[in-house]
């Protein structure tokens, strides 16, 4: 599949799937869902912000 590569370790076991997000077919919804899930999982421990605080800040900066 274009934009996806499987990498193997020294004993020829599959170890890593490498996805070039600029090369994948945007019409491939399953692959897009996989990438979205990986990114969401990666961000799950990121700092969270209250929506009302963000909205106030954006209004103050004239961005909303």
N, C-alpha and C. Protein backbone atom coordinates (compact mmCIF):
# COMPACT_ATOMS: atom_id res chain seq x y z
N UNK A 1 0.85 -1.17 0.00
CA UNK A 1 0.00 0.00 0.00
C UNK A 1 0.90 1.23 0.00
N UNK A 2 0.61 2.16 -0.87
CA UNK A 2 1.43 3.36 -0.98
C UNK A 2 1.38 4.16 0.33
N UNK A 3 2.57 4.54 0.82
CA UNK A 3 2.67 5.34 2.02
C UNK A 3 2.72 4.55 3.31
N UNK A 4 2.65 3.22 3.21
CA UNK A 4 2.70 2.37 4.41
C UNK A 4 3.83 1.37 4.25
N UNK A 5 4.66 1.27 5.29
CA UNK A 5 5.79 0.34 5.25
C UNK A 5 5.84 -0.44 6.55
N UNK A 6 6.06 -1.74 6.45
CA UNK A 6 6.23 -2.60 7.62
C UNK A 6 7.72 -2.81 7.83
N UNK A 7 8.19 -2.56 9.03
CA UNK A 7 9.61 -2.74 9.35
C UNK A 7 9.77 -3.97 10.24
N UNK A 8 10.83 -4.71 10.00
CA UNK A 8 11.10 -5.96 10.70
C UNK A 8 12.32 -5.82 11.59
N UNK A 9 12.36 -6.62 12.66
CA UNK A 9 13.53 -6.62 13.53
C UNK A 9 14.58 -7.60 13.01
N UNK A 10 15.63 -7.81 13.79
CA UNK A 10 16.76 -8.65 13.35
C UNK A 10 16.40 -10.13 13.19
N UNK A 11 15.29 -10.56 13.78
CA UNK A 11 14.87 -11.96 13.60
C UNK A 11 13.66 -12.05 12.66
N UNK A 12 13.49 -11.02 11.86
CA UNK A 12 12.47 -10.97 10.83
C UNK A 12 11.03 -10.99 11.36
N UNK A 13 10.83 -10.42 12.55
CA UNK A 13 9.49 -10.27 13.11
C UNK A 13 8.98 -8.85 12.81
N UNK A 14 7.72 -8.72 12.46
CA UNK A 14 7.15 -7.41 12.22
C UNK A 14 7.21 -6.60 13.51
N UNK A 15 7.75 -5.39 13.45
CA UNK A 15 7.93 -4.58 14.65
C UNK A 15 7.25 -3.22 14.56
N UNK A 16 7.28 -2.62 13.38
CA UNK A 16 6.82 -1.24 13.24
C UNK A 16 6.04 -1.08 11.94
N UNK A 17 4.97 -0.32 12.01
CA UNK A 17 4.29 0.10 10.79
C UNK A 17 4.56 1.59 10.65
N UNK A 18 5.14 1.96 9.54
CA UNK A 18 5.47 3.36 9.27
C UNK A 18 4.48 3.89 8.25
N UNK A 19 3.81 4.99 8.59
CA UNK A 19 2.81 5.56 7.71
C UNK A 19 3.22 6.97 7.34
N UNK A 20 3.40 7.21 6.05
CA UNK A 20 3.69 8.55 5.56
C UNK A 20 2.35 9.23 5.30
N UNK A 21 1.94 10.11 6.20
CA UNK A 21 0.60 10.68 6.12
C UNK A 21 0.40 11.55 4.87
N UNK A 22 1.48 11.97 4.25
CA UNK A 22 1.34 12.75 3.03
C UNK A 22 1.18 11.86 1.80
N UNK A 23 1.47 10.58 1.94
CA UNK A 23 1.40 9.66 0.81
C UNK A 23 0.14 8.80 0.80
N UNK A 24 -0.55 8.71 1.95
CA UNK A 24 -1.71 7.81 1.99
C UNK A 24 -2.86 8.38 1.17
N UNK A 25 -3.66 7.49 0.68
CA UNK A 25 -4.82 7.86 -0.13
C UNK A 25 -5.90 8.44 0.78
N UNK A 26 -6.26 9.72 0.60
CA UNK A 26 -7.28 10.31 1.48
C UNK A 26 -8.64 9.63 1.36
N UNK A 27 -8.85 8.86 0.30
CA UNK A 27 -10.13 8.15 0.13
C UNK A 27 -10.16 6.85 0.93
N UNK A 28 -9.00 6.44 1.46
CA UNK A 28 -8.93 5.21 2.24
C UNK A 28 -9.38 5.52 3.68
N UNK A 29 -10.67 5.40 3.92
CA UNK A 29 -11.24 5.80 5.20
C UNK A 29 -10.74 4.95 6.37
N UNK A 30 -10.50 3.68 6.15
CA UNK A 30 -10.01 2.83 7.24
C UNK A 30 -8.64 3.27 7.71
N UNK A 31 -7.77 3.58 6.76
CA UNK A 31 -6.43 4.03 7.12
C UNK A 31 -6.49 5.39 7.79
N UNK A 32 -7.35 6.26 7.30
CA UNK A 32 -7.53 7.57 7.91
C UNK A 32 -8.04 7.42 9.35
N UNK A 33 -8.99 6.51 9.57
CA UNK A 33 -9.49 6.25 10.92
C UNK A 33 -8.39 5.73 11.83
N UNK A 34 -7.53 4.86 11.30
CA UNK A 34 -6.42 4.33 12.08
C UNK A 34 -5.48 5.46 12.51
N UNK A 35 -5.13 6.32 11.58
CA UNK A 35 -4.23 7.44 11.90
C UNK A 35 -4.89 8.36 12.93
N UNK A 36 -6.18 8.67 12.76
CA UNK A 36 -6.89 9.51 13.72
C UNK A 36 -6.89 8.88 15.11
N UNK A 37 -7.09 7.57 15.18
CA UNK A 37 -7.10 6.88 16.47
C UNK A 37 -5.73 6.93 17.13
N UNK A 38 -4.69 6.72 16.34
CA UNK A 38 -3.32 6.78 16.88
C UNK A 38 -3.02 8.18 17.42
N UNK A 39 -3.39 9.21 16.67
CA UNK A 39 -3.13 10.58 17.11
C UNK A 39 -3.94 10.93 18.36
N UNK A 40 -5.18 10.47 18.44
CA UNK A 40 -6.00 10.72 19.62
C UNK A 40 -5.40 10.02 20.84
N UNK A 41 -4.97 8.79 20.66
CA UNK A 41 -4.35 8.03 21.76
C UNK A 41 -3.07 8.73 22.24
N UNK A 42 -2.32 9.24 21.28
CA UNK A 42 -1.06 9.92 21.61
C UNK A 42 -1.33 11.21 22.41
N UNK A 43 -2.45 11.86 22.16
CA UNK A 43 -2.75 13.14 22.80
C UNK A 43 -3.58 13.01 24.07
N UNK A 44 -3.92 11.79 24.47
CA UNK A 44 -4.85 11.61 25.59
C UNK A 44 -4.35 12.19 26.90
N UNK A 45 -3.06 12.29 27.09
CA UNK A 45 -2.52 12.82 28.34
C UNK A 45 -2.10 14.28 28.24
N UNK A 46 -2.39 14.91 27.10
CA UNK A 46 -2.06 16.32 26.93
C UNK A 46 -2.88 17.15 27.91
N UNK A 47 -2.38 18.34 28.18
CA UNK A 47 -3.08 19.23 29.09
C UNK A 47 -4.45 19.58 28.53
N UNK A 48 -5.44 19.58 29.39
CA UNK A 48 -6.82 19.87 28.98
C UNK A 48 -7.16 21.31 29.38
N UNK A 49 -8.00 21.94 28.58
CA UNK A 49 -8.42 23.31 28.84
C UNK A 49 -9.95 23.36 28.88
N UNK A 50 -10.47 24.15 29.78
CA UNK A 50 -11.90 24.36 29.87
C UNK A 50 -12.35 25.20 28.67
N UNK A 51 -13.41 24.75 28.00
CA UNK A 51 -13.88 25.43 26.79
C UNK A 51 -14.23 26.90 27.07
N UNK A 52 -14.84 27.19 28.19
CA UNK A 52 -15.21 28.58 28.50
C UNK A 52 -13.96 29.46 28.64
N UNK A 53 -12.89 28.93 29.25
CA UNK A 53 -11.64 29.68 29.37
C UNK A 53 -11.03 29.95 28.00
N UNK A 54 -11.05 28.94 27.15
CA UNK A 54 -10.49 29.09 25.80
C UNK A 54 -11.31 30.11 25.01
N UNK A 55 -12.62 30.02 25.12
CA UNK A 55 -13.50 30.94 24.41
C UNK A 55 -13.23 32.39 24.85
N UNK A 56 -13.09 32.60 26.18
CA UNK A 56 -12.79 33.94 26.70
C UNK A 56 -11.46 34.45 26.15
N UNK A 57 -10.44 33.59 26.14
CA UNK A 57 -9.13 33.99 25.64
C UNK A 57 -9.19 34.35 24.16
N UNK A 58 -9.88 33.53 23.37
CA UNK A 58 -10.00 33.80 21.93
C UNK A 58 -10.75 35.11 21.67
N UNK A 59 -11.79 35.38 22.44
CA UNK A 59 -12.52 36.65 22.30
C UNK A 59 -11.63 37.83 22.67
N UNK A 60 -10.85 37.67 23.74
CA UNK A 60 -9.95 38.73 24.18
C UNK A 60 -8.91 39.04 23.12
N UNK A 61 -8.44 38.00 22.43
CA UNK A 61 -7.44 38.18 21.38
C UNK A 61 -8.05 38.55 20.03
N UNK A 62 -9.39 38.66 19.99
CA UNK A 62 -10.07 39.05 18.76
C UNK A 62 -10.11 37.94 17.71
N UNK A 63 -9.97 36.71 18.13
CA UNK A 63 -9.96 35.58 17.20
C UNK A 63 -11.30 34.86 17.15
N UNK A 64 -12.23 35.32 17.96
CA UNK A 64 -13.55 34.68 17.97
C UNK A 64 -14.63 35.73 18.05
